[in-house]
Every structure is written in C-alpha cells, then in structure tokens.
Protein backbone atom coordinates (compact mmCIF):
# COMPACT_ATOMS: atom_id res chain seq x y z
CA MET A 1 44.63 45.20 7.61
CA ASN A 2 45.52 41.81 9.01
CA ILE A 3 42.42 41.95 11.18
CA LEU A 4 40.21 42.56 8.13
CA ILE A 5 41.74 39.61 6.34
CA LEU A 6 41.30 37.42 9.41
CA LYS A 7 37.66 38.51 9.77
CA GLN A 8 37.03 37.73 6.10
CA LEU A 9 38.69 34.31 6.45
CA PHE A 10 36.62 33.63 9.55
CA ASN A 11 33.42 34.65 7.78
CA ASP A 12 34.31 32.49 4.78
CA LYS A 13 35.02 29.48 6.99
CA GLN A 14 31.83 30.07 8.92
CA GLN A 15 29.82 30.21 5.68
CA ASN A 16 31.50 27.01 4.47
CA LEU A 17 30.58 25.35 7.75
CA PHE A 18 26.93 26.39 7.37
CA ASP A 19 26.91 25.14 3.78
CA GLU A 20 28.41 21.81 4.80
CA GLN A 21 25.91 21.44 7.65
CA ALA A 22 23.04 22.10 5.26
CA LEU A 23 24.42 19.52 2.83
CA LEU A 24 24.83 17.01 5.66
CA LYS A 25 21.21 17.56 6.71
CA GLN A 26 20.06 16.94 3.13
CA HIS A 27 22.01 13.69 2.99
CA GLU A 28 20.68 12.59 6.37
CA ASP A 29 17.11 13.32 5.24
CA SER A 30 17.67 11.38 2.03
CA LEU A 31 19.12 8.45 3.97
CA ARG A 32 16.19 8.50 6.40
CA LYS A 33 13.71 8.43 3.50
CA ARG A 34 15.53 5.54 1.83
CA ARG A 35 15.62 3.54 5.05
CA GLY A 36 11.91 4.16 5.48
CA HIS A 37 11.29 2.97 1.94
CA ILE A 38 13.31 -0.19 2.59
CA GLN A 39 11.24 -0.87 5.72
CA GLN A 40 8.04 -0.40 3.72
CA LEU A 41 9.22 -2.85 1.08
CA LYS A 42 10.12 -5.41 3.75
CA ALA A 43 6.71 -4.99 5.37
CA VAL A 44 4.92 -5.47 2.05
CA LYS A 45 6.94 -8.61 1.35
CA GLN A 46 6.16 -9.97 4.79
CA ASP A 47 2.45 -9.17 4.42
CA ARG A 48 2.32 -10.98 1.07
CA VAL A 49 3.78 -14.05 2.76
CA THR A 50 1.90 -14.04 6.06
CA ILE A 51 -1.47 -14.22 4.34
CA TYR A 52 -0.64 -17.91 3.87
CA GLY A 53 -0.30 -18.48 7.60
CA CYS A 54 1.41 -16.95 10.60
CA TYR A 55 4.33 -19.40 10.40
CA THR A 56 4.94 -19.02 6.68
CA LEU A 57 7.74 -16.48 7.01
CA ALA A 58 9.56 -18.67 9.54
CA ILE A 59 9.11 -21.71 7.29
CA LEU A 60 10.51 -19.86 4.28
CA LYS A 61 13.51 -18.72 6.30
CA GLU A 62 14.12 -22.27 7.48
CA ILE A 63 13.86 -23.60 3.91
CA GLU A 64 16.38 -20.98 2.86
CA LYS A 65 18.67 -21.89 5.76
CA GLN A 66 18.51 -25.59 4.87
CA ALA A 67 18.62 -25.10 1.10
CA TYR A 68 21.72 -27.29 0.87
CA ARG A 69 19.58 -30.31 1.84
CA PHE A 70 17.30 -29.98 -1.19
CA LYS A 71 18.00 -31.13 -4.70
CA GLN A 72 15.63 -28.39 -5.77
CA ILE A 73 14.17 -25.74 -3.47
CA PRO A 74 10.45 -26.34 -2.87
CA ILE A 75 7.97 -23.96 -4.40
CA GLU A 76 6.72 -21.87 -1.53
CA PRO A 77 3.01 -21.40 -0.95
CA VAL A 78 1.33 -22.21 -4.23
CA GLY A 79 -0.99 -19.27 -3.74
CA LYS A 80 1.98 -16.95 -3.98
CA HIS A 81 2.35 -18.04 -7.60
CA THR A 82 -1.27 -17.60 -8.56
CA CYS A 83 -2.71 -14.41 -9.92
CA LEU A 84 -6.34 -13.74 -10.67
CA ILE A 85 -7.04 -11.85 -13.84
CA ASP A 86 -10.60 -11.17 -12.77
CA ILE A 87 -11.51 -10.80 -9.09
CA LYS A 88 -14.95 -12.30 -9.70
CA TRP A 89 -13.29 -15.73 -9.71
CA ALA A 90 -11.64 -15.30 -6.30
CA ILE A 91 -14.21 -17.26 -4.30
CA ALA A 92 -14.42 -20.04 -6.88
CA VAL A 93 -10.63 -20.41 -7.05
CA GLU A 94 -10.30 -20.34 -3.28
CA GLN A 95 -13.06 -22.93 -2.87
CA GLY A 96 -11.70 -25.11 -5.66
CA LEU A 97 -8.08 -25.05 -4.60
CA GLY A 98 -8.71 -24.76 -0.86
CA ASN A 99 -5.66 -25.69 1.19
CA LEU A 100 -3.55 -26.12 -1.93
CA LEU A 101 -2.99 -22.36 -1.95
CA THR A 102 -1.09 -22.59 1.33
CA GLY A 103 0.73 -25.78 0.35
CA TYR A 104 4.26 -26.31 -0.91
CA LEU A 105 5.47 -28.27 -3.91
CA SER A 106 8.58 -30.42 -3.88
CA SER A 107 10.29 -31.99 -6.87
CA SER A 108 11.13 -35.38 -5.36
CA ARG A 109 10.38 -37.71 -2.47
CA GLU A 110 13.70 -36.84 -0.86
CA ASP A 111 12.91 -33.14 -1.00
CA GLU A 112 9.44 -33.87 0.31
CA ARG A 113 10.93 -35.62 3.36
CA VAL A 114 13.21 -32.67 4.08
CA LEU A 115 10.30 -30.28 3.66
CA LEU A 116 8.12 -32.32 6.00
CA GLU A 117 10.88 -32.24 8.62
CA ILE A 118 10.93 -28.46 8.38
CA LEU A 119 7.16 -28.21 8.53
CA SER A 120 6.88 -30.44 11.59
C-alpha cells in the first residue's frame, strides 16, 4: 500500500511539474511579446525623429543630457509639432516652411547659444 501512495504522490508531483512548466512557457511567451512590442514602439519613435535628419536622435539625446544648461528646453524639430489636416497641403507647407521644419526653437539668447554649441 505504501508503494501505491508513493506512486500517486509521484504522479501528482509530476503533473504539478508539467503544469508549472506550461505556465512558465506562457509567461515567457507573454514577456517575449511585450519586449517585441517595446522594440516596435522604440523603432517608431526613432523613425519619427530621424525623418528630420540622421543626427536628430543624437542631438535630442545631447539636449536631454545637457538639459540643466537650459532655462527652458528647446523645442525639438518644429516639424515634429506640425500636423497636416489635409495631405493635399503637404507640398505647399514643405515649400513654404522649408528648413524651418528641421529647425529648433529656443526661448532665449542664452539657450540659443547652448543649443548652437550642441549643434556644432
């Protein structure tokens, strides 16, 4: 009778192990999906920034790193803050604003000097 009890305990433990392994696999899959989603979001953010120039991301990181030097953080590429309601105006807006879309805005001369140091 002891052997039957031991076999049953073994089978129960083995089933618990299988259940736990299945649960672990589900959690690992969920984690993998979430990490993939985070990477996609980072890529989208980077793509939205790099359309203003290949160095834009590095410039924004440097502005963030040197934020303490600014009275007010510059407004990053102006184009990032523009939104067309109707795509038919895209060429006109781009022609009219030209390089302003890739430019930065600073709130004071002092901030402008710091920004120019970063940009140079």
